[in-house]
Amino acid sequence: MQFSFRSRLHCGIAAAILFLIAPVLAQETPPPDPPNGFSSQERGALRLSYVQVRQLKVISAAHLPPFYPKEAAARGQVGKAKLDLLVDASGAVVDARVLEEDPLAMGFGEAAAAATKTSKFWNPFNRLVAFTTTVRFAP
């Protein structure tokens, strides 16, 4: 099958336009602040989208066993907590807020918040950022 000069020109123009707008289409808009989470606007933080969160790299973090709620550990209880974190330009976790925990009233939220406050991230944004994450506990 042969293409005319005109159809090849149209294909080339379409490819050029796609090349120029692809980065714009790939950008994910930041999610809204979660209920009971930090107000990123009040804190002057950049609320990270899912794609942006993946750019953060954990440099160091405490092992979870010392933070495991004692009663839950004794029962062999599995649990998780969803947190809203604030990480400063240097990568230190400056604040953590519990959004959800499962199961309730077993201490997984507090334990997850305490554990994440020991973490250090590589923060390529070089500014205060906010994002949500889930910490899972298993015996």
N, C-alpha and C. Protein backbone atom coordinates (compact mmCIF):
# COMPACT_ATOMS: atom_id res chain seq x y z
N MET A 1 0.85 -1.17 0.00
CA MET A 1 0.00 0.00 0.00
C MET A 1 0.90 1.23 0.00
N GLN A 2 0.57 2.15 -0.87
CA GLN A 2 1.37 3.36 -0.96
C GLN A 2 0.58 4.53 -0.39
N PHE A 3 1.32 5.39 0.29
CA PHE A 3 0.71 6.59 0.83
C PHE A 3 1.13 7.78 -0.02
N SER A 4 0.20 8.66 -0.22
CA SER A 4 0.52 9.86 -0.98
C SER A 4 1.30 10.82 -0.08
N PHE A 5 1.92 11.78 -0.72
CA PHE A 5 2.65 12.79 0.04
C PHE A 5 1.74 13.48 1.04
N ARG A 6 0.54 13.74 0.62
CA ARG A 6 -0.43 14.44 1.48
C ARG A 6 -0.77 13.61 2.72
N SER A 7 -1.02 12.30 2.57
CA SER A 7 -1.36 11.47 3.72
C SER A 7 -0.16 11.31 4.65
N ARG A 8 1.06 11.23 4.06
CA ARG A 8 2.25 11.16 4.91
C ARG A 8 2.44 12.46 5.67
N LEU A 9 2.13 13.57 5.03
CA LEU A 9 2.24 14.86 5.69
C LEU A 9 1.25 14.94 6.85
N HIS A 10 0.03 14.47 6.64
CA HIS A 10 -0.98 14.48 7.71
C HIS A 10 -0.56 13.60 8.86
N CYS A 11 0.01 12.42 8.56
CA CYS A 11 0.49 11.53 9.61
C CYS A 11 1.62 12.18 10.39
N GLY A 12 2.50 12.86 9.69
CA GLY A 12 3.62 13.55 10.34
C GLY A 12 3.15 14.67 11.23
N ILE A 13 2.16 15.42 10.77
CA ILE A 13 1.60 16.51 11.57
C ILE A 13 0.91 15.95 12.80
N ALA A 14 0.15 14.88 12.62
CA ALA A 14 -0.54 14.26 13.76
C ALA A 14 0.46 13.75 14.78
N ALA A 15 1.55 13.14 14.32
CA ALA A 15 2.58 12.64 15.23
C ALA A 15 3.24 13.79 15.98
N ALA A 16 3.51 14.88 15.29
CA ALA A 16 4.14 16.05 15.93
C ALA A 16 3.22 16.64 16.99
N ILE A 17 1.95 16.73 16.68
CA ILE A 17 0.99 17.27 17.66
C ILE A 17 0.91 16.35 18.87
N LEU A 18 0.85 15.05 18.64
CA LEU A 18 0.81 14.10 19.75
C LEU A 18 2.07 14.20 20.60
N PHE A 19 3.23 14.36 19.95
CA PHE A 19 4.49 14.50 20.66
C PHE A 19 4.47 15.75 21.55
N LEU A 20 3.86 16.81 21.07
CA LEU A 20 3.82 18.05 21.83
C LEU A 20 2.81 18.03 22.97
N ILE A 21 1.68 17.36 22.79
CA ILE A 21 0.66 17.38 23.83
C ILE A 21 0.70 16.18 24.76
N ALA A 22 1.48 15.15 24.42
CA ALA A 22 1.54 13.96 25.27
C ALA A 22 1.95 14.28 26.71
N PRO A 23 2.98 15.13 26.93
CA PRO A 23 3.33 15.45 28.32
C PRO A 23 2.19 16.14 29.07
N VAL A 24 1.42 16.94 28.38
CA VAL A 24 0.30 17.62 29.03
C VAL A 24 -0.78 16.60 29.39
N LEU A 25 -1.05 15.66 28.49
CA LEU A 25 -2.06 14.63 28.76
C LEU A 25 -1.62 13.70 29.89
N ALA A 26 -0.30 13.48 30.02
CA ALA A 26 0.21 12.56 31.03
C ALA A 26 0.18 13.16 32.43
N GLN A 27 0.11 14.48 32.54
CA GLN A 27 0.09 15.10 33.85
C GLN A 27 -1.21 14.78 34.55
N GLU A 28 -1.07 14.38 35.78
CA GLU A 28 -2.24 14.05 36.59
C GLU A 28 -2.51 15.24 37.51
N THR A 29 -3.74 15.66 37.58
CA THR A 29 -4.06 16.78 38.47
C THR A 29 -3.99 16.31 39.91
N PRO A 30 -3.54 17.19 40.80
CA PRO A 30 -3.45 16.79 42.20
C PRO A 30 -4.83 16.45 42.75
N PRO A 31 -4.90 15.43 43.57
CA PRO A 31 -6.19 15.09 44.15
C PRO A 31 -6.59 16.14 45.19
N PRO A 32 -7.85 16.19 45.54
CA PRO A 32 -8.26 17.12 46.59
C PRO A 32 -7.73 16.64 47.94
N ASP A 33 -7.64 17.55 48.89
CA ASP A 33 -7.24 17.16 50.23
C ASP A 33 -8.26 16.17 50.78
N PRO A 34 -7.80 15.10 51.43
CA PRO A 34 -8.75 14.12 51.97
C PRO A 34 -9.51 14.68 53.17
N PRO A 35 -10.72 14.20 53.41
CA PRO A 35 -11.43 14.62 54.62
C PRO A 35 -10.58 14.26 55.84
N ASN A 36 -10.50 15.14 56.78
CA ASN A 36 -9.71 14.98 58.01
C ASN A 36 -8.20 14.96 57.76
N GLY A 37 -7.77 15.23 56.53
CA GLY A 37 -6.35 15.29 56.22
C GLY A 37 -5.85 16.72 56.37
N PHE A 38 -4.63 16.94 55.95
CA PHE A 38 -4.05 18.28 56.01
C PHE A 38 -4.61 19.14 54.90
N SER A 39 -4.78 20.41 55.18
CA SER A 39 -5.15 21.36 54.14
C SER A 39 -3.84 21.81 53.50
N SER A 40 -3.55 21.30 52.33
CA SER A 40 -2.28 21.62 51.68
C SER A 40 -2.16 23.11 51.40
N GLN A 41 -3.26 23.75 51.09
CA GLN A 41 -3.22 25.18 50.79
C GLN A 41 -2.86 25.97 52.05
N GLU A 42 -3.46 25.63 53.19
CA GLU A 42 -3.15 26.33 54.44
C GLU A 42 -1.71 26.10 54.86
N ARG A 43 -1.20 24.91 54.61
CA ARG A 43 0.17 24.57 55.01
C ARG A 43 1.20 25.01 53.97
N GLY A 44 0.74 25.45 52.81
CA GLY A 44 1.66 25.84 51.75
C GLY A 44 2.35 24.64 51.11
N ALA A 45 1.69 23.49 51.15
CA ALA A 45 2.27 22.25 50.63
C ALA A 45 1.72 21.94 49.24
N LEU A 46 2.49 21.24 48.49
CA LEU A 46 2.06 20.72 47.21
C LEU A 46 1.40 19.37 47.46
N ARG A 47 0.11 19.24 47.13
CA ARG A 47 -0.59 17.95 47.26
C ARG A 47 -0.18 17.10 46.07
N LEU A 48 0.45 15.97 46.34
CA LEU A 48 0.98 15.14 45.26
C LEU A 48 -0.08 14.22 44.67
N SER A 49 -0.02 14.08 43.36
CA SER A 49 -0.87 13.11 42.66
C SER A 49 -0.22 11.74 42.79
N TYR A 50 -0.93 10.72 42.37
CA TYR A 50 -0.41 9.35 42.44
C TYR A 50 0.92 9.22 41.68
N VAL A 51 0.98 9.82 40.50
CA VAL A 51 2.20 9.76 39.68
C VAL A 51 3.35 10.46 40.40
N GLN A 52 3.08 11.59 41.02
CA GLN A 52 4.13 12.33 41.72
C GLN A 52 4.60 11.60 42.96
N VAL A 53 3.71 10.93 43.68
CA VAL A 53 4.09 10.19 44.89
C VAL A 53 5.12 9.12 44.54
N ARG A 54 4.98 8.52 43.38
CA ARG A 54 5.92 7.47 42.96
C ARG A 54 7.32 8.02 42.74
N GLN A 55 7.47 9.35 42.62
CA GLN A 55 8.79 9.95 42.45
C GLN A 55 9.54 10.07 43.78
N LEU A 56 8.80 10.02 44.90
CA LEU A 56 9.45 10.04 46.21
C LEU A 56 10.13 8.69 46.43
N LYS A 57 11.29 8.70 47.00
CA LYS A 57 12.01 7.45 47.29
C LYS A 57 12.32 7.41 48.79
N VAL A 58 12.05 6.26 49.41
CA VAL A 58 12.35 6.09 50.83
C VAL A 58 13.85 5.89 50.97
N ILE A 59 14.48 6.78 51.74
CA ILE A 59 15.91 6.67 52.01
C ILE A 59 16.12 5.79 53.24
N SER A 60 15.32 6.04 54.27
CA SER A 60 15.41 5.23 55.48
C SER A 60 14.05 5.21 56.16
N ALA A 61 13.81 4.12 56.87
CA ALA A 61 12.56 3.96 57.61
C ALA A 61 12.78 2.92 58.70
N ALA A 62 12.13 3.12 59.82
CA ALA A 62 12.24 2.17 60.93
C ALA A 62 11.51 0.88 60.56
N HIS A 63 11.96 -0.22 61.13
CA HIS A 63 11.25 -1.48 60.96
C HIS A 63 9.94 -1.40 61.74
N LEU A 64 8.90 -2.01 61.22
CA LEU A 64 7.58 -1.93 61.85
C LEU A 64 7.42 -2.72 63.14
N PRO A 65 8.09 -3.86 63.34
CA PRO A 65 7.82 -4.64 64.56
C PRO A 65 7.86 -3.86 65.88
N PRO A 66 8.81 -2.95 66.11
CA PRO A 66 8.78 -2.22 67.37
C PRO A 66 7.54 -1.33 67.54
N PHE A 67 6.89 -0.98 66.45
CA PHE A 67 5.72 -0.11 66.51
C PHE A 67 4.40 -0.89 66.53
N TYR A 68 4.48 -2.19 66.27
CA TYR A 68 3.29 -3.04 66.20
C TYR A 68 2.53 -2.94 67.53
N PRO A 69 1.23 -2.63 67.51
CA PRO A 69 0.47 -2.57 68.78
C PRO A 69 0.59 -3.90 69.53
N LYS A 70 0.95 -3.82 70.80
CA LYS A 70 1.23 -5.04 71.59
C LYS A 70 0.06 -6.02 71.64
N GLU A 71 -1.13 -5.50 71.89
CA GLU A 71 -2.30 -6.37 71.98
C GLU A 71 -2.58 -7.05 70.63
N ALA A 72 -2.44 -6.30 69.57
CA ALA A 72 -2.67 -6.85 68.23
C ALA A 72 -1.60 -7.90 67.90
N ALA A 73 -0.36 -7.63 68.27
CA ALA A 73 0.71 -8.59 68.02
C ALA A 73 0.47 -9.88 68.79
N ALA A 74 0.01 -9.76 70.04
CA ALA A 74 -0.26 -10.95 70.86
C ALA A 74 -1.34 -11.82 70.23
N ARG A 75 -2.30 -11.20 69.58
CA ARG A 75 -3.40 -11.93 68.92
C ARG A 75 -3.05 -12.39 67.51
N GLY A 76 -1.93 -11.90 66.98
CA GLY A 76 -1.59 -12.20 65.59
C GLY A 76 -2.47 -11.43 64.62
N GLN A 77 -2.98 -10.29 65.07
CA GLN A 77 -3.92 -9.47 64.30
C GLN A 77 -3.21 -8.73 63.17
N VAL A 78 -3.76 -8.82 61.98
CA VAL A 78 -3.29 -8.06 60.82
C VAL A 78 -4.03 -6.74 60.82
N GLY A 79 -3.37 -5.66 60.43
CA GLY A 79 -4.04 -4.37 60.40
C GLY A 79 -3.39 -3.42 59.42
N LYS A 80 -4.06 -2.31 59.21
CA LYS A 80 -3.53 -1.28 58.31
C LYS A 80 -4.05 0.08 58.73
N ALA A 81 -3.36 1.10 58.28
CA ALA A 81 -3.79 2.48 58.55
C ALA A 81 -3.50 3.33 57.33
N LYS A 82 -4.43 4.18 56.99
CA LYS A 82 -4.25 5.14 55.91
C LYS A 82 -3.88 6.46 56.55
N LEU A 83 -2.77 7.05 56.10
CA LEU A 83 -2.25 8.28 56.70
C LEU A 83 -2.14 9.39 55.67
N ASP A 84 -2.22 10.61 56.15
CA ASP A 84 -1.90 11.78 55.35
C ASP A 84 -0.59 12.29 55.91
N LEU A 85 0.43 12.42 55.05
CA LEU A 85 1.76 12.82 55.50
C LEU A 85 2.16 14.17 54.94
N LEU A 86 2.94 14.90 55.73
CA LEU A 86 3.60 16.11 55.29
C LEU A 86 5.09 15.84 55.33
N VAL A 87 5.76 16.02 54.20
CA VAL A 87 7.19 15.79 54.09
C VAL A 87 7.84 17.09 53.65
N ASP A 88 8.87 17.52 54.41
CA ASP A 88 9.50 18.81 54.07
C ASP A 88 10.50 18.65 52.93
N ALA A 89 11.11 19.78 52.54
CA ALA A 89 12.01 19.79 51.39
C ALA A 89 13.21 18.86 51.59
N SER A 90 13.63 18.66 52.84
CA SER A 90 14.77 17.79 53.10
C SER A 90 14.38 16.31 53.12
N GLY A 91 13.08 16.01 53.08
CA GLY A 91 12.61 14.63 53.05
C GLY A 91 12.16 14.08 54.39
N ALA A 92 12.18 14.91 55.42
CA ALA A 92 11.75 14.47 56.75
C ALA A 92 10.23 14.54 56.86
N VAL A 93 9.64 13.55 57.50
CA VAL A 93 8.19 13.57 57.75
C VAL A 93 7.96 14.51 58.93
N VAL A 94 7.29 15.62 58.68
CA VAL A 94 7.08 16.61 59.74
C VAL A 94 5.76 16.41 60.47
N ASP A 95 4.82 15.71 59.82
CA ASP A 95 3.54 15.46 60.48
C ASP A 95 2.83 14.30 59.79
N ALA A 96 2.06 13.58 60.58
CA ALA A 96 1.28 12.45 60.06
C ALA A 96 -0.08 12.49 60.71
N ARG A 97 -1.10 12.31 59.92
CA ARG A 97 -2.48 12.32 60.43
C ARG A 97 -3.17 11.03 60.00
N VAL A 98 -3.80 10.36 60.95
CA VAL A 98 -4.51 9.11 60.66
C VAL A 98 -5.84 9.44 60.00
N LEU A 99 -6.08 8.86 58.82
CA LEU A 99 -7.34 9.05 58.11
C LEU A 99 -8.28 7.87 58.36
N GLU A 100 -7.72 6.66 58.37
CA GLU A 100 -8.51 5.44 58.59
C GLU A 100 -7.60 4.41 59.23
N GLU A 101 -8.21 3.49 59.97
CA GLU A 101 -7.47 2.32 60.45
C GLU A 101 -8.41 1.13 60.48
N ASP A 102 -7.82 -0.04 60.25
CA ASP A 102 -8.62 -1.26 60.20
C ASP A 102 -7.79 -2.39 60.80
N PRO A 103 -8.30 -3.06 61.82
CA PRO A 103 -9.55 -2.84 62.53
C PRO A 103 -9.45 -1.62 63.46
N LEU A 104 -10.61 -1.11 63.79
CA LEU A 104 -10.68 0.07 64.65
C LEU A 104 -10.25 -0.25 66.07
N ALA A 105 -9.74 0.75 66.75
CA ALA A 105 -9.42 0.70 68.18
C ALA A 105 -8.40 -0.37 68.56
N MET A 106 -7.54 -0.73 67.61
CA MET A 106 -6.47 -1.69 67.93
C MET A 106 -5.11 -0.98 67.99
N GLY A 107 -5.07 0.30 67.67
CA GLY A 107 -3.83 1.07 67.76
C GLY A 107 -3.00 1.11 66.49
N PHE A 108 -3.53 0.60 65.37
CA PHE A 108 -2.74 0.59 64.15
C PHE A 108 -2.50 2.00 63.59
N GLY A 109 -3.45 2.89 63.75
CA GLY A 109 -3.28 4.25 63.27
C GLY A 109 -2.15 4.97 63.98
N GLU A 110 -2.17 4.93 65.30
CA GLU A 110 -1.11 5.56 66.09
C GLU A 110 0.24 4.95 65.78
N ALA A 111 0.28 3.63 65.69
CA ALA A 111 1.53 2.92 65.42
C ALA A 111 2.09 3.30 64.05
N ALA A 112 1.23 3.37 63.05
CA ALA A 112 1.66 3.73 61.70
C ALA A 112 2.18 5.16 61.66
N ALA A 113 1.49 6.07 62.36
CA ALA A 113 1.93 7.47 62.40
C ALA A 113 3.30 7.58 63.06
N ALA A 114 3.49 6.88 64.16
CA ALA A 114 4.78 6.91 64.86
C ALA A 114 5.89 6.34 63.98
N ALA A 115 5.61 5.25 63.29
CA ALA A 115 6.61 4.62 62.43
C ALA A 115 6.99 5.52 61.26
N THR A 116 6.01 6.15 60.63
CA THR A 116 6.31 6.98 59.46
C THR A 116 7.08 8.24 59.84
N LYS A 117 6.92 8.72 61.06
CA LYS A 117 7.65 9.92 61.48
C LYS A 117 9.15 9.66 61.58
N THR A 118 9.57 8.40 61.56
CA THR A 118 11.00 8.07 61.57
C THR A 118 11.56 7.95 60.16
N SER A 119 10.70 8.07 59.16
CA SER A 119 11.11 7.87 57.76
C SER A 119 11.79 9.10 57.19
N LYS A 120 12.64 8.85 56.22
CA LYS A 120 13.31 9.91 55.47
C LYS A 120 13.14 9.60 53.99
N PHE A 121 12.73 10.60 53.22
CA PHE A 121 12.49 10.44 51.79
C PHE A 121 13.47 11.28 50.98
N TRP A 122 13.69 10.87 49.75
CA TRP A 122 14.33 11.75 48.78
C TRP A 122 13.17 12.49 48.14
N ASN A 123 13.14 13.81 48.31
CA ASN A 123 12.04 14.64 47.85
C ASN A 123 12.51 15.48 46.65
N PRO A 124 12.21 15.04 45.42
CA PRO A 124 12.69 15.77 44.24
C PRO A 124 11.97 17.10 44.02
N PHE A 125 10.92 17.37 44.79
CA PHE A 125 10.16 18.61 44.61
C PHE A 125 10.78 19.76 45.39
N ASN A 126 11.67 19.45 46.34
CA ASN A 126 12.38 20.46 47.13
C ASN A 126 11.45 21.48 47.77
N ARG A 127 10.34 21.00 48.27
CA ARG A 127 9.39 21.85 48.99
C ARG A 127 8.49 20.96 49.83
N LEU A 128 7.69 21.54 50.69
CA LEU A 128 6.77 20.79 51.53
C LEU A 128 5.73 20.12 50.64
N VAL A 129 5.54 18.82 50.83
CA VAL A 129 4.56 18.08 50.05
C VAL A 129 3.62 17.32 50.98
N ALA A 130 2.41 17.07 50.49
CA ALA A 130 1.41 16.30 51.24
C ALA A 130 0.94 15.16 50.34
N PHE A 131 0.74 13.99 50.96
CA PHE A 131 0.23 12.84 50.22
C PHE A 131 -0.32 11.81 51.19
N THR A 132 -1.14 10.91 50.66
CA THR A 132 -1.69 9.84 51.49
C THR A 132 -0.96 8.54 51.17
N THR A 133 -0.86 7.71 52.18
CA THR A 133 -0.22 6.40 52.03
C THR A 133 -0.87 5.42 53.00
N THR A 134 -0.68 4.16 52.74
CA THR A 134 -1.22 3.12 53.61
C THR A 134 -0.05 2.30 54.19
N VAL A 135 -0.11 2.07 55.49
CA VAL A 135 0.89 1.25 56.18
C VAL A 135 0.19 -0.03 56.61
N ARG A 136 0.77 -1.18 56.27
CA ARG A 136 0.17 -2.48 56.60
C ARG A 136 1.02 -3.19 57.65
N PHE A 137 0.34 -3.78 58.61
CA PHE A 137 0.99 -4.55 59.67
C PHE A 137 0.57 -6.01 59.55
N ALA A 138 1.54 -6.90 59.62
CA ALA A 138 1.26 -8.33 59.62
C ALA A 138 2.26 -8.99 60.55
N PRO A 139 1.81 -9.94 61.37
CA PRO A 139 2.75 -10.59 62.31
C PRO A 139 3.81 -11.42 61.61
